[in-house]
PDBML (XML) file of the C-alpha atoms, coordinates in Angstrom:
<?xml version="1.0" encoding="UTF-8" ?>
<PDBx:datablock datablockName="MODEL"
   xmlns:PDBx="http://pdbml.pdb.org/schema/pdbx-v50.xsd"
   xmlns:xsi="http://www.w3.org/2001/XMLSchema-instance"
   xsi:schemaLocation="http://pdbml.pdb.org/schema/pdbx-v50.xsd pdbx-v50.xsd">
   <PDBx:atom_siteCategory>
      <PDBx:atom_site id="1">
         <PDBx:B_iso_or_equiv>0.00</PDBx:B_iso_or_equiv>
         <PDBx:Cartn_x>110.013</PDBx:Cartn_x>
         <PDBx:Cartn_y>-59.820</PDBx:Cartn_y>
         <PDBx:Cartn_z>62.388</PDBx:Cartn_z>
         <PDBx:auth_asym_id>A</PDBx:auth_asym_id>
         <PDBx:auth_atom_id>CA</PDBx:auth_atom_id>
         <PDBx:auth_comp_id>UNK</PDBx:auth_comp_id>
         <PDBx:auth_seq_id>1</PDBx:auth_seq_id>
         <PDBx:group_PDB>ATOM</PDBx:group_PDB>
         <PDBx:label_alt_id xsi:nil="true" />
         <PDBx:label_asym_id>A</PDBx:label_asym_id>
         <PDBx:label_atom_id>CA</PDBx:label_atom_id>
         <PDBx:label_comp_id>UNK</PDBx:label_comp_id>
         <PDBx:label_entity_id>1</PDBx:label_entity_id>
         <PDBx:label_seq_id>1</PDBx:label_seq_id>
         <PDBx:occupancy>1.00</PDBx:occupancy>
         <PDBx:pdbx_PDB_model_num>1</PDBx:pdbx_PDB_model_num>
         <PDBx:type_symbol>C</PDBx:type_symbol>
      </PDBx:atom_site>
      <PDBx:atom_site id="2">
         <PDBx:B_iso_or_equiv>0.00</PDBx:B_iso_or_equiv>
         <PDBx:Cartn_x>108.753</PDBx:Cartn_x>
         <PDBx:Cartn_y>-62.390</PDBx:Cartn_y>
         <PDBx:Cartn_z>64.890</PDBx:Cartn_z>
         <PDBx:auth_asym_id>A</PDBx:auth_asym_id>
         <PDBx:auth_atom_id>CA</PDBx:auth_atom_id>
         <PDBx:auth_comp_id>UNK</PDBx:auth_comp_id>
         <PDBx:auth_seq_id>2</PDBx:auth_seq_id>
         <PDBx:group_PDB>ATOM</PDBx:group_PDB>
         <PDBx:label_alt_id xsi:nil="true" />
         <PDBx:label_asym_id>A</PDBx:label_asym_id>
         <PDBx:label_atom_id>CA</PDBx:label_atom_id>
         <PDBx:label_comp_id>UNK</PDBx:label_comp_id>
         <PDBx:label_entity_id>1</PDBx:label_entity_id>
         <PDBx:label_seq_id>2</PDBx:label_seq_id>
         <PDBx:occupancy>1.00</PDBx:occupancy>
         <PDBx:pdbx_PDB_model_num>1</PDBx:pdbx_PDB_model_num>
         <PDBx:type_symbol>C</PDBx:type_symbol>
      </PDBx:atom_site>
      <PDBx:atom_site id="3">
         <PDBx:B_iso_or_equiv>0.00</PDBx:B_iso_or_equiv>
         <PDBx:Cartn_x>106.231</PDBx:Cartn_x>
         <PDBx:Cartn_y>-60.012</PDBx:Cartn_y>
         <PDBx:Cartn_z>66.495</PDBx:Cartn_z>
         <PDBx:auth_asym_id>A</PDBx:auth_asym_id>
         <PDBx:auth_atom_id>CA</PDBx:auth_atom_id>
         <PDBx:auth_comp_id>UNK</PDBx:auth_comp_id>
         <PDBx:auth_seq_id>3</PDBx:auth_seq_id>
         <PDBx:group_PDB>ATOM</PDBx:group_PDB>
         <PDBx:label_alt_id xsi:nil="true" />
         <PDBx:label_asym_id>A</PDBx:label_asym_id>
         <PDBx:label_atom_id>CA</PDBx:label_atom_id>
         <PDBx:label_comp_id>UNK</PDBx:label_comp_id>
         <PDBx:label_entity_id>1</PDBx:label_entity_id>
         <PDBx:label_seq_id>3</PDBx:label_seq_id>
         <PDBx:occupancy>1.00</PDBx:occupancy>
         <PDBx:pdbx_PDB_model_num>1</PDBx:pdbx_PDB_model_num>
         <PDBx:type_symbol>C</PDBx:type_symbol>
      </PDBx:atom_site>
      <PDBx:atom_site id="4">
         <PDBx:B_iso_or_equiv>0.00</PDBx:B_iso_or_equiv>
         <PDBx:Cartn_x>104.729</PDBx:Cartn_x>
         <PDBx:Cartn_y>-59.053</PDBx:Cartn_y>
         <PDBx:Cartn_z>63.140</PDBx:Cartn_z>
         <PDBx:auth_asym_id>A</PDBx:auth_asym_id>
         <PDBx:auth_atom_id>CA</PDBx:auth_atom_id>
         <PDBx:auth_comp_id>UNK</PDBx:auth_comp_id>
         <PDBx:auth_seq_id>4</PDBx:auth_seq_id>
         <PDBx:group_PDB>ATOM</PDBx:group_PDB>
         <PDBx:label_alt_id xsi:nil="true" />
         <PDBx:label_asym_id>A</PDBx:label_asym_id>
         <PDBx:label_atom_id>CA</PDBx:label_atom_id>
         <PDBx:label_comp_id>UNK</PDBx:label_comp_id>
         <PDBx:label_entity_id>1</PDBx:label_entity_id>
         <PDBx:label_seq_id>4</PDBx:label_seq_id>
         <PDBx:occupancy>1.00</PDBx:occupancy>
         <PDBx:pdbx_PDB_model_num>1</PDBx:pdbx_PDB_model_num>
         <PDBx:type_symbol>C</PDBx:type_symbol>
      </PDBx:atom_site>
      <PDBx:atom_site id="5">
         <PDBx:B_iso_or_equiv>0.00</PDBx:B_iso_or_equiv>
         <PDBx:Cartn_x>104.951</PDBx:Cartn_x>
         <PDBx:Cartn_y>-62.572</PDBx:Cartn_y>
         <PDBx:Cartn_z>61.697</PDBx:Cartn_z>
         <PDBx:auth_asym_id>A</PDBx:auth_asym_id>
         <PDBx:auth_atom_id>CA</PDBx:auth_atom_id>
         <PDBx:auth_comp_id>UNK</PDBx:auth_comp_id>
         <PDBx:auth_seq_id>5</PDBx:auth_seq_id>
         <PDBx:group_PDB>ATOM</PDBx:group_PDB>
         <PDBx:label_alt_id xsi:nil="true" />
         <PDBx:label_asym_id>A</PDBx:label_asym_id>
         <PDBx:label_atom_id>CA</PDBx:label_atom_id>
         <PDBx:label_comp_id>UNK</PDBx:label_comp_id>
         <PDBx:label_entity_id>1</PDBx:label_entity_id>
         <PDBx:label_seq_id>5</PDBx:label_seq_id>
         <PDBx:occupancy>1.00</PDBx:occupancy>
         <PDBx:pdbx_PDB_model_num>1</PDBx:pdbx_PDB_model_num>
         <PDBx:type_symbol>C</PDBx:type_symbol>
      </PDBx:atom_site>
      <PDBx:atom_site id="6">
         <PDBx:B_iso_or_equiv>0.00</PDBx:B_iso_or_equiv>
         <PDBx:Cartn_x>103.390</PDBx:Cartn_x>
         <PDBx:Cartn_y>-64.292</PDBx:Cartn_y>
         <PDBx:Cartn_z>64.712</PDBx:Cartn_z>
         <PDBx:auth_asym_id>A</PDBx:auth_asym_id>
         <PDBx:auth_atom_id>CA</PDBx:auth_atom_id>
         <PDBx:auth_comp_id>UNK</PDBx:auth_comp_id>
         <PDBx:auth_seq_id>6</PDBx:auth_seq_id>
         <PDBx:group_PDB>ATOM</PDBx:group_PDB>
         <PDBx:label_alt_id xsi:nil="true" />
         <PDBx:label_asym_id>A</PDBx:label_asym_id>
         <PDBx:label_atom_id>CA</PDBx:label_atom_id>
         <PDBx:label_comp_id>UNK</PDBx:label_comp_id>
         <PDBx:label_entity_id>1</PDBx:label_entity_id>
         <PDBx:label_seq_id>6</PDBx:label_seq_id>
         <PDBx:occupancy>1.00</PDBx:occupancy>
         <PDBx:pdbx_PDB_model_num>1</PDBx:pdbx_PDB_model_num>
         <PDBx:type_symbol>C</PDBx:type_symbol>
      </PDBx:atom_site>
      <PDBx:atom_site id="7">
         <PDBx:B_iso_or_equiv>0.00</PDBx:B_iso_or_equiv>
         <PDBx:Cartn_x>100.703</PDBx:Cartn_x>
         <PDBx:Cartn_y>-61.796</PDBx:Cartn_y>
         <PDBx:Cartn_z>65.720</PDBx:Cartn_z>
         <PDBx:auth_asym_id>A</PDBx:auth_asym_id>
         <PDBx:auth_atom_id>CA</PDBx:auth_atom_id>
         <PDBx:auth_comp_id>UNK</PDBx:auth_comp_id>
         <PDBx:auth_seq_id>7</PDBx:auth_seq_id>
         <PDBx:group_PDB>ATOM</PDBx:group_PDB>
         <PDBx:label_alt_id xsi:nil="true" />
         <PDBx:label_asym_id>A</PDBx:label_asym_id>
         <PDBx:label_atom_id>CA</PDBx:label_atom_id>
         <PDBx:label_comp_id>UNK</PDBx:label_comp_id>
         <PDBx:label_entity_id>1</PDBx:label_entity_id>
         <PDBx:label_seq_id>7</PDBx:label_seq_id>
         <PDBx:occupancy>1.00</PDBx:occupancy>
         <PDBx:pdbx_PDB_model_num>1</PDBx:pdbx_PDB_model_num>
         <PDBx:type_symbol>C</PDBx:type_symbol>
      </PDBx:atom_site>
      <PDBx:atom_site id="8">
         <PDBx:B_iso_or_equiv>0.00</PDBx:B_iso_or_equiv>
         <PDBx:Cartn_x>99.912</PDBx:Cartn_x>
         <PDBx:Cartn_y>-59.597</PDBx:Cartn_y>
         <PDBx:Cartn_z>62.686</PDBx:Cartn_z>
         <PDBx:auth_asym_id>A</PDBx:auth_asym_id>
         <PDBx:auth_atom_id>CA</PDBx:auth_atom_id>
         <PDBx:auth_comp_id>UNK</PDBx:auth_comp_id>
         <PDBx:auth_seq_id>8</PDBx:auth_seq_id>
         <PDBx:group_PDB>ATOM</PDBx:group_PDB>
         <PDBx:label_alt_id xsi:nil="true" />
         <PDBx:label_asym_id>A</PDBx:label_asym_id>
         <PDBx:label_atom_id>CA</PDBx:label_atom_id>
         <PDBx:label_comp_id>UNK</PDBx:label_comp_id>
         <PDBx:label_entity_id>1</PDBx:label_entity_id>
         <PDBx:label_seq_id>8</PDBx:label_seq_id>
         <PDBx:occupancy>1.00</PDBx:occupancy>
         <PDBx:pdbx_PDB_model_num>1</PDBx:pdbx_PDB_model_num>
         <PDBx:type_symbol>C</PDBx:type_symbol>
      </PDBx:atom_site>
      <PDBx:atom_site id="9">
         <PDBx:B_iso_or_equiv>0.00</PDBx:B_iso_or_equiv>
         <PDBx:Cartn_x>100.311</PDBx:Cartn_x>
         <PDBx:Cartn_y>-62.156</PDBx:Cartn_y>
         <PDBx:Cartn_z>59.885</PDBx:Cartn_z>
         <PDBx:auth_asym_id>A</PDBx:auth_asym_id>
         <PDBx:auth_atom_id>CA</PDBx:auth_atom_id>
         <PDBx:auth_comp_id>UNK</PDBx:auth_comp_id>
         <PDBx:auth_seq_id>9</PDBx:auth_seq_id>
         <PDBx:group_PDB>ATOM</PDBx:group_PDB>
         <PDBx:label_alt_id xsi:nil="true" />
         <PDBx:label_asym_id>A</PDBx:label_asym_id>
         <PDBx:label_atom_id>CA</PDBx:label_atom_id>
         <PDBx:label_comp_id>UNK</PDBx:label_comp_id>
         <PDBx:label_entity_id>1</PDBx:label_entity_id>
         <PDBx:label_seq_id>9</PDBx:label_seq_id>
         <PDBx:occupancy>1.00</PDBx:occupancy>
         <PDBx:pdbx_PDB_model_num>1</PDBx:pdbx_PDB_model_num>
         <PDBx:type_symbol>C</PDBx:type_symbol>
      </PDBx:atom_site>
      <PDBx:atom_site id="10">
         <PDBx:B_iso_or_equiv>0.00</PDBx:B_iso_or_equiv>
         <PDBx:Cartn_x>99.693</PDBx:Cartn_x>
         <PDBx:Cartn_y>-65.611</PDBx:Cartn_y>
         <PDBx:Cartn_z>61.407</PDBx:Cartn_z>
         <PDBx:auth_asym_id>A</PDBx:auth_asym_id>
         <PDBx:auth_atom_id>CA</PDBx:auth_atom_id>
         <PDBx:auth_comp_id>UNK</PDBx:auth_comp_id>
         <PDBx:auth_seq_id>10</PDBx:auth_seq_id>
         <PDBx:group_PDB>ATOM</PDBx:group_PDB>
         <PDBx:label_alt_id xsi:nil="true" />
         <PDBx:label_asym_id>A</PDBx:label_asym_id>
         <PDBx:label_atom_id>CA</PDBx:label_atom_id>
         <PDBx:label_comp_id>UNK</PDBx:label_comp_id>
         <PDBx:label_entity_id>1</PDBx:label_entity_id>
         <PDBx:label_seq_id>10</PDBx:label_seq_id>
         <PDBx:occupancy>1.00</PDBx:occupancy>
         <PDBx:pdbx_PDB_model_num>1</PDBx:pdbx_PDB_model_num>
         <PDBx:type_symbol>C</PDBx:type_symbol>
      </PDBx:atom_site>
      <PDBx:atom_site id="11">
         <PDBx:B_iso_or_equiv>0.00</PDBx:B_iso_or_equiv>
         <PDBx:Cartn_x>97.519</PDBx:Cartn_x>
         <PDBx:Cartn_y>-64.781</PDBx:Cartn_y>
         <PDBx:Cartn_z>64.418</PDBx:Cartn_z>
         <PDBx:auth_asym_id>A</PDBx:auth_asym_id>
         <PDBx:auth_atom_id>CA</PDBx:auth_atom_id>
         <PDBx:auth_comp_id>UNK</PDBx:auth_comp_id>
         <PDBx:auth_seq_id>11</PDBx:auth_seq_id>
         <PDBx:group_PDB>ATOM</PDBx:group_PDB>
         <PDBx:label_alt_id xsi:nil="true" />
         <PDBx:label_asym_id>A</PDBx:label_asym_id>
         <PDBx:label_atom_id>CA</PDBx:label_atom_id>
         <PDBx:label_comp_id>UNK</PDBx:label_comp_id>
         <PDBx:label_entity_id>1</PDBx:label_entity_id>
         <PDBx:label_seq_id>11</PDBx:label_seq_id>
         <PDBx:occupancy>1.00</PDBx:occupancy>
         <PDBx:pdbx_PDB_model_num>1</PDBx:pdbx_PDB_model_num>
         <PDBx:type_symbol>C</PDBx:type_symbol>
      </PDBx:atom_site>
      <PDBx:atom_site id="12">
         <PDBx:B_iso_or_equiv>0.00</PDBx:B_iso_or_equiv>
         <PDBx:Cartn_x>95.440</PDBx:Cartn_x>
         <PDBx:Cartn_y>-62.022</PDBx:Cartn_y>
         <PDBx:Cartn_z>62.827</PDBx:Cartn_z>
         <PDBx:auth_asym_id>A</PDBx:auth_asym_id>
         <PDBx:auth_atom_id>CA</PDBx:auth_atom_id>
         <PDBx:auth_comp_id>UNK</PDBx:auth_comp_id>
         <PDBx:auth_seq_id>12</PDBx:auth_seq_id>
         <PDBx:group_PDB>ATOM</PDBx:group_PDB>
         <PDBx:label_alt_id xsi:nil="true" />
         <PDBx:label_asym_id>A</PDBx:label_asym_id>
         <PDBx:label_atom_id>CA</PDBx:label_atom_id>
         <PDBx:label_comp_id>UNK</PDBx:label_comp_id>
         <PDBx:label_entity_id>1</PDBx:label_entity_id>
         <PDBx:label_seq_id>12</PDBx:label_seq_id>
         <PDBx:occupancy>1.00</PDBx:occupancy>
         <PDBx:pdbx_PDB_model_num>1</PDBx:pdbx_PDB_model_num>
         <PDBx:type_symbol>C</PDBx:type_symbol>
      </PDBx:atom_site>
      <PDBx:atom_site id="13">
         <PDBx:B_iso_or_equiv>0.00</PDBx:B_iso_or_equiv>
         <PDBx:Cartn_x>94.757</PDBx:Cartn_x>
         <PDBx:Cartn_y>-63.819</PDBx:Cartn_y>
         <PDBx:Cartn_z>59.566</PDBx:Cartn_z>
         <PDBx:auth_asym_id>A</PDBx:auth_asym_id>
         <PDBx:auth_atom_id>CA</PDBx:auth_atom_id>
         <PDBx:auth_comp_id>UNK</PDBx:auth_comp_id>
         <PDBx:auth_seq_id>13</PDBx:auth_seq_id>
         <PDBx:group_PDB>ATOM</PDBx:group_PDB>
         <PDBx:label_alt_id xsi:nil="true" />
         <PDBx:label_asym_id>A</PDBx:label_asym_id>
         <PDBx:label_atom_id>CA</PDBx:label_atom_id>
         <PDBx:label_comp_id>UNK</PDBx:label_comp_id>
         <PDBx:label_entity_id>1</PDBx:label_entity_id>
         <PDBx:label_seq_id>13</PDBx:label_seq_id>
         <PDBx:occupancy>1.00</PDBx:occupancy>
         <PDBx:pdbx_PDB_model_num>1</PDBx:pdbx_PDB_model_num>
         <PDBx:type_symbol>C</PDBx:type_symbol>
      </PDBx:atom_site>
      <PDBx:atom_site id="14">
         <PDBx:B_iso_or_equiv>0.00</PDBx:B_iso_or_equiv>
         <PDBx:Cartn_x>94.356</PDBx:Cartn_x>
         <PDBx:Cartn_y>-67.264</PDBx:Cartn_y>
         <PDBx:Cartn_z>61.129</PDBx:Cartn_z>
         <PDBx:auth_asym_id>A</PDBx:auth_asym_id>
         <PDBx:auth_atom_id>CA</PDBx:auth_atom_id>
         <PDBx:auth_comp_id>UNK</PDBx:auth_comp_id>
         <PDBx:auth_seq_id>14</PDBx:auth_seq_id>
         <PDBx:group_PDB>ATOM</PDBx:group_PDB>
         <PDBx:label_alt_id xsi:nil="true" />
         <PDBx:label_asym_id>A</PDBx:label_asym_id>
         <PDBx:label_atom_id>CA</PDBx:label_atom_id>
         <PDBx:label_comp_id>UNK</PDBx:label_comp_id>
         <PDBx:label_entity_id>1</PDBx:label_entity_id>
         <PDBx:label_seq_id>14</PDBx:label_seq_id>
         <PDBx:occupancy>1.00</PDBx:occupancy>
         <PDBx:pdbx_PDB_model_num>1</PDBx:pdbx_PDB_model_num>
         <PDBx:type_symbol>C</PDBx:type_symbol>
      </PDBx:atom_site>
      <PDBx:atom_site id="15">
         <PDBx:B_iso_or_equiv>0.00</PDBx:B_iso_or_equiv>
         <PDBx:Cartn_x>91.526</PDBx:Cartn_x>
         <PDBx:Cartn_y>-66.046</PDBx:Cartn_y>
         <PDBx:Cartn_z>63.372</PDBx:Cartn_z>
         <PDBx:auth_asym_id>A</PDBx:auth_asym_id>
         <PDBx:auth_atom_id>CA</PDBx:auth_atom_id>
         <PDBx:auth_comp_id>UNK</PDBx:auth_comp_id>
         <PDBx:auth_seq_id>15</PDBx:auth_seq_id>
         <PDBx:group_PDB>ATOM</PDBx:group_PDB>
         <PDBx:label_alt_id xsi:nil="true" />
         <PDBx:label_asym_id>A</PDBx:label_asym_id>
         <PDBx:label_atom_id>CA</PDBx:label_atom_id>
         <PDBx:label_comp_id>UNK</PDBx:label_comp_id>
         <PDBx:label_entity_id>1</PDBx:label_entity_id>
         <PDBx:label_seq_id>15</PDBx:label_seq_id>
         <PDBx:occupancy>1.00</PDBx:occupancy>
         <PDBx:pdbx_PDB_model_num>1</PDBx:pdbx_PDB_model_num>
         <PDBx:type_symbol>C</PDBx:type_symbol>
      </PDBx:atom_site>
      <PDBx:atom_site id="16">
         <PDBx:B_iso_or_equiv>0.00</PDBx:B_iso_or_equiv>
         <PDBx:Cartn_x>90.088</PDBx:Cartn_x>
         <PDBx:Cartn_y>-63.816</PDBx:Cartn_y>
         <PDBx:Cartn_z>60.610</PDBx:Cartn_z>
         <PDBx:auth_asym_id>A</PDBx:auth_asym_id>
         <PDBx:auth_atom_id>CA</PDBx:auth_atom_id>
         <PDBx:auth_comp_id>UNK</PDBx:auth_comp_id>
         <PDBx:auth_seq_id>16</PDBx:auth_seq_id>
         <PDBx:group_PDB>ATOM</PDBx:group_PDB>
         <PDBx:label_alt_id xsi:nil="true" />
         <PDBx:label_asym_id>A</PDBx:label_asym_id>
         <PDBx:label_atom_id>CA</PDBx:label_atom_id>
         <PDBx:label_comp_id>UNK</PDBx:label_comp_id>
         <PDBx:label_entity_id>1</PDBx:label_entity_id>
         <PDBx:label_seq_id>16</PDBx:label_seq_id>
         <PDBx:occupancy>1.00</PDBx:occupancy>
         <PDBx:pdbx_PDB_model_num>1</PDBx:pdbx_PDB_model_num>
         <PDBx:type_symbol>C</PDBx:type_symbol>
      </PDBx:atom_site>
      <PDBx:atom_site id="17">
         <PDBx:B_iso_or_equiv>0.00</PDBx:B_iso_or_equiv>
         <PDBx:Cartn_x>89.865</PDBx:Cartn_x>
         <PDBx:Cartn_y>-66.598</PDBx:Cartn_y>
         <PDBx:Cartn_z>58.017</PDBx:Cartn_z>
         <PDBx:auth_asym_id>A</PDBx:auth_asym_id>
         <PDBx:auth_atom_id>CA</PDBx:auth_atom_id>
         <PDBx:auth_comp_id>UNK</PDBx:auth_comp_id>
         <PDBx:auth_seq_id>17</PDBx:auth_seq_id>
         <PDBx:group_PDB>ATOM</PDBx:group_PDB>
         <PDBx:label_alt_id xsi:nil="true" />
         <PDBx:label_asym_id>A</PDBx:label_asym_id>
         <PDBx:label_atom_id>CA</PDBx:label_atom_id>
         <PDBx:label_comp_id>UNK</PDBx:label_comp_id>
         <PDBx:label_entity_id>1</PDBx:label_entity_id>
         <PDBx:label_seq_id>17</PDBx:label_seq_id>
         <PDBx:occupancy>1.00</PDBx:occupancy>
         <PDBx:pdbx_PDB_model_num>1</PDBx:pdbx_PDB_model_num>
         <PDBx:type_symbol>C</PDBx:type_symbol>
      </PDBx:atom_site>
      <PDBx:atom_site id="18">
         <PDBx:B_iso_or_equiv>0.00</PDBx:B_iso_or_equiv>
         <PDBx:Cartn_x>88.414</PDBx:Cartn_x>
         <PDBx:Cartn_y>-69.055</PDBx:Cartn_y>
         <PDBx:Cartn_z>60.545</PDBx:Cartn_z>
         <PDBx:auth_asym_id>A</PDBx:auth_asym_id>
         <PDBx:auth_atom_id>CA</PDBx:auth_atom_id>
         <PDBx:auth_comp_id>UNK</PDBx:auth_comp_id>
         <PDBx:auth_seq_id>18</PDBx:auth_seq_id>
         <PDBx:group_PDB>ATOM</PDBx:group_PDB>
         <PDBx:label_alt_id xsi:nil="true" />
         <PDBx:label_asym_id>A</PDBx:label_asym_id>
         <PDBx:label_atom_id>CA</PDBx:label_atom_id>
         <PDBx:label_comp_id>UNK</PDBx:label_comp_id>
         <PDBx:label_entity_id>1</PDBx:label_entity_id>
         <PDBx:label_seq_id>18</PDBx:label_seq_id>
         <PDBx:occupancy>1.00</PDBx:occupancy>
         <PDBx:pdbx_PDB_model_num>1</PDBx:pdbx_PDB_model_num>
         <PDBx:type_symbol>C</PDBx:type_symbol>
      </PDBx:atom_site>
      <PDBx:atom_site id="19">
         <PDBx:B_iso_or_equiv>0.00</PDBx:B_iso_or_equiv>
         <PDBx:Cartn_x>85.851</PDBx:Cartn_x>
         <PDBx:Cartn_y>-66.455</PDBx:Cartn_y>
         <PDBx:Cartn_z>61.613</PDBx:Cartn_z>
         <PDBx:auth_asym_id>A</PDBx:auth_asym_id>
         <PDBx:auth_atom_id>CA</PDBx:auth_atom_id>
         <PDBx:auth_comp_id>UNK</PDBx:auth_comp_id>
         <PDBx:auth_seq_id>19</PDBx:auth_seq_id>
         <PDBx:group_PDB>ATOM</PDBx:group_PDB>
         <PDBx:label_alt_id xsi:nil="true" />
         <PDBx:label_asym_id>A</PDBx:label_asym_id>
         <PDBx:label_atom_id>CA</PDBx:label_atom_id>
         <PDBx:label_comp_id>UNK</PDBx:label_comp_id>
         <PDBx:label_entity_id>1</PDBx:label_entity_id>
         <PDBx:label_seq_id>19</PDBx:label_seq_id>
         <PDBx:occupancy>1.00</PDBx:occupancy>
         <PDBx:pdbx_PDB_model_num>1</PDBx:pdbx_PDB_model_num>
         <PDBx:type_symbol>C</PDBx:type_symbol>
      </PDBx:atom_site>
      <PDBx:atom_site id="20">
         <PDBx:B_iso_or_equiv>0.00</PDBx:B_iso_or_equiv>
         <PDBx:Cartn_x>84.875</PDBx:Cartn_x>
         <PDBx:Cartn_y>-65.515</PDBx:Cartn_y>
         <PDBx:Cartn_z>58.080</PDBx:Cartn_z>
         <PDBx:auth_asym_id>A</PDBx:auth_asym_id>
         <PDBx:auth_atom_id>CA</PDBx:auth_atom_id>
         <PDBx:auth_comp_id>UNK</PDBx:auth_comp_id>
         <PDBx:auth_seq_id>20</PDBx:auth_seq_id>
         <PDBx:group_PDB>ATOM</PDBx:group_PDB>
         <PDBx:label_alt_id xsi:nil="true" />
         <PDBx:label_asym_id>A</PDBx:label_asym_id>
         <PDBx:label_atom_id>CA</PDBx:label_atom_id>
         <PDBx:label_comp_id>UNK</PDBx:label_comp_id>
         <PDBx:label_entity_id>1</PDBx:label_entity_id>
         <PDBx:label_seq_id>20</PDBx:label_seq_id>
         <PDBx:occupancy>1.00</PDBx:occupancy>
         <PDBx:pdbx_PDB_model_num>1</PDBx:pdbx_PDB_model_num>
         <PDBx:type_symbol>C</PDBx:type_symbol>
      </PDBx:atom_site>
      <PDBx:atom_site id="21">
         <PDBx:B_iso_or_equiv>0.00</PDBx:B_iso_or_equiv>
         <PDBx:Cartn_x>83.698</PDBx:Cartn_x>
         <PDBx:Cartn_y>-69.060</PDBx:Cartn_y>
         <PDBx:Cartn_z>57.484</PDBx:Cartn_z>
         <PDBx:auth_asym_id>A</PDBx:auth_asym_id>
         <PDBx:auth_atom_id>CA</PDBx:auth_atom_id>
         <PDBx:auth_comp_id>UNK</PDBx:auth_comp_id>
         <PDBx:auth_seq_id>21</PDBx:auth_seq_id>
         <PDBx:group_PDB>ATOM</PDBx:group_PDB>
         <PDBx:label_alt_id xsi:nil="true" />
         <PDBx:label_asym_id>A</PDBx:label_asym_id>
         <PDBx:label_atom_id>CA</PDBx:label_atom_id>
         <PDBx:label_comp_id>UNK</PDBx:label_comp_id>
         <PDBx:label_entity_id>1</PDBx:label_entity_id>
         <PDBx:label_seq_id>21</PDBx:label_seq_id>
         <PDBx:occupancy>1.00</PDBx:occupancy>
         <PDBx:pdbx_PDB_model_num>1</PDBx:pdbx_PDB_model_num>
         <PDBx:type_symbol>C</PDBx:type_symbol>
      </PDBx:atom_site>
      <PDBx:atom_site id="22">
         <PDBx:B_iso_or_equiv>0.00</PDBx:B_iso_or_equiv>
         <PDBx:Cartn_x>80.711</PDBx:Cartn_x>
         <PDBx:Cartn_y>-68.040</PDBx:Cartn_y>
         <PDBx:Cartn_z>59.624</PDBx:Cartn_z>
         <PDBx:auth_asym_id>A</PDBx:auth_asym_id>
         <PDBx:auth_atom_id>CA</PDBx:auth_atom_id>
         <PDBx:auth_comp_id>UNK</PDBx:auth_comp_id>
         <PDBx:auth_seq_id>22</PDBx:auth_seq_id>
         <PDBx:group_PDB>ATOM</PDBx:group_PDB>
         <PDBx:label_alt_id xsi:nil="true" />
         <PDBx:label_asym_id>A</PDBx:label_asym_id>
         <PDBx:label_atom_id>CA</PDBx:label_atom_id>
         <PDBx:label_comp_id>UNK</PDBx:label_comp_id>
         <PDBx:label_entity_id>1</PDBx:label_entity_id>
         <PDBx:label_seq_id>22</PDBx:label_seq_id>
         <PDBx:occupancy>1.00</PDBx:occupancy>
         <PDBx:pdbx_PDB_model_num>1</PDBx:pdbx_PDB_model_num>
         <PDBx:type_symbol>C</PDBx:type_symbol>
      </PDBx:atom_site>
      <PDBx:atom_site id="23">
         <PDBx:B_iso_or_equiv>0.00</PDBx:B_iso_or_equiv>
         <PDBx:Cartn_x>80.238</PDBx:Cartn_x>
         <PDBx:Cartn_y>-64.286</PDBx:Cartn_y>
         <PDBx:Cartn_z>59.087</PDBx:Cartn_z>
         <PDBx:auth_asym_id>A</PDBx:auth_asym_id>
         <PDBx:auth_atom_id>CA</PDBx:auth_atom_id>
         <PDBx:auth_comp_id>UNK</PDBx:auth_comp_id>
         <PDBx:auth_seq_id>23</PDBx:auth_seq_id>
         <PDBx:group_PDB>ATOM</PDBx:group_PDB>
         <PDBx:label_alt_id xsi:nil="true" />
         <PDBx:label_asym_id>A</PDBx:label_asym_id>
         <PDBx:label_atom_id>CA</PDBx:label_atom_id>
         <PDBx:label_comp_id>UNK</PDBx:label_comp_id>
         <PDBx:label_entity_id>1</PDBx:label_entity_id>
         <PDBx:label_seq_id>23</PDBx:label_seq_id>
         <PDBx:occupancy>1.00</PDBx:occupancy>
         <PDBx:pdbx_PDB_model_num>1</PDBx:pdbx_PDB_model_num>
         <PDBx:type_symbol>C</PDBx:type_symbol>
      </PDBx:atom_site>
      <PDBx:atom_site id="24">
         <PDBx:B_iso_or_equiv>0.00</PDBx:B_iso_or_equiv>
         <PDBx:Cartn_x>80.136</PDBx:Cartn_x>
         <PDBx:Cartn_y>-62.210</PDBx:Cartn_y>
         <PDBx:Cartn_z>55.863</PDBx:Cartn_z>
         <PDBx:auth_asym_id>A</PDBx:auth_asym_id>
         <PDBx:auth_atom_id>CA</PDBx:auth_atom_id>
         <PDBx:auth_comp_id>UNK</PDBx:auth_comp_id>
         <PDBx:auth_seq_id>24</PDBx:auth_seq_id>
         <PDBx:group_PDB>ATOM</PDBx:group_PDB>
         <PDBx:label_alt_id xsi:nil="true" />
         <PDBx:label_asym_id>A</PDBx:label_asym_id>
         <PDBx:label_atom_id>CA</PDBx:label_atom_id>
         <PDBx:label_comp_id>UNK</PDBx:label_comp_id>
         <PDBx:label_entity_id>1</PDBx:label_entity_id>
         <PDBx:label_seq_id>24</PDBx:label_seq_id>
         <PDBx:occupancy>1.00</PDBx:occupancy>
         <PDBx:pdbx_PDB_model_num>1</PDBx:pdbx_PDB_model_num>
         <PDBx:type_symbol>C</PDBx:type_symbol>
      </PDBx:atom_site>
      <PDBx:atom_site id="25">
         <PDBx:B_iso_or_equiv>0.00</PDBx:B_iso_or_equiv>
         <PDBx:Cartn_x>83.044</PDBx:Cartn_x>
         <PDBx:Cartn_y>-60.012</PDBx:Cartn_y>
         <PDBx:Cartn_z>54.847</PDBx:Cartn_z>
         <PDBx:auth_asym_id>A</PDBx:auth_asym_id>
         <PDBx:auth_atom_id>CA</PDBx:auth_atom_id>
         <PDBx:auth_comp_id>UNK</PDBx:auth_comp_id>
         <PDBx:auth_seq_id>25</PDBx:auth_seq_id>
         <PDBx:group_PDB>ATOM</PDBx:group_PDB>
         <PDBx:label_alt_id xsi:nil="true" />
         <PDBx:label_asym_id>A</PDBx:label_asym_id>
         <PDBx:label_atom_id>CA</PDBx:label_atom_id>
         <PDBx:label_comp_id>UNK</PDBx:label_comp_id>
         <PDBx:label_entity_id>1</PDBx:label_entity_id>
         <PDBx:label_seq_id>25</PDBx:label_seq_id>
         <PDBx:occupancy>1.00</PDBx:occupancy>
         <PDBx:pdbx_PDB_model_num>1</PDBx:pdbx_PDB_model_num>
         <PDBx:type_symbol>C</PDBx:type_symbol>
      </PDBx:atom_site>
   </PDBx:atom_siteCategory>
</PDBx:datablock>
């Protein structure tokens, strides 16, 4: 649960959403 929650949900989407402020989908 921690591995998926930290890296796949929080880490992946945190970086993705920050990055998509500057690049198109």
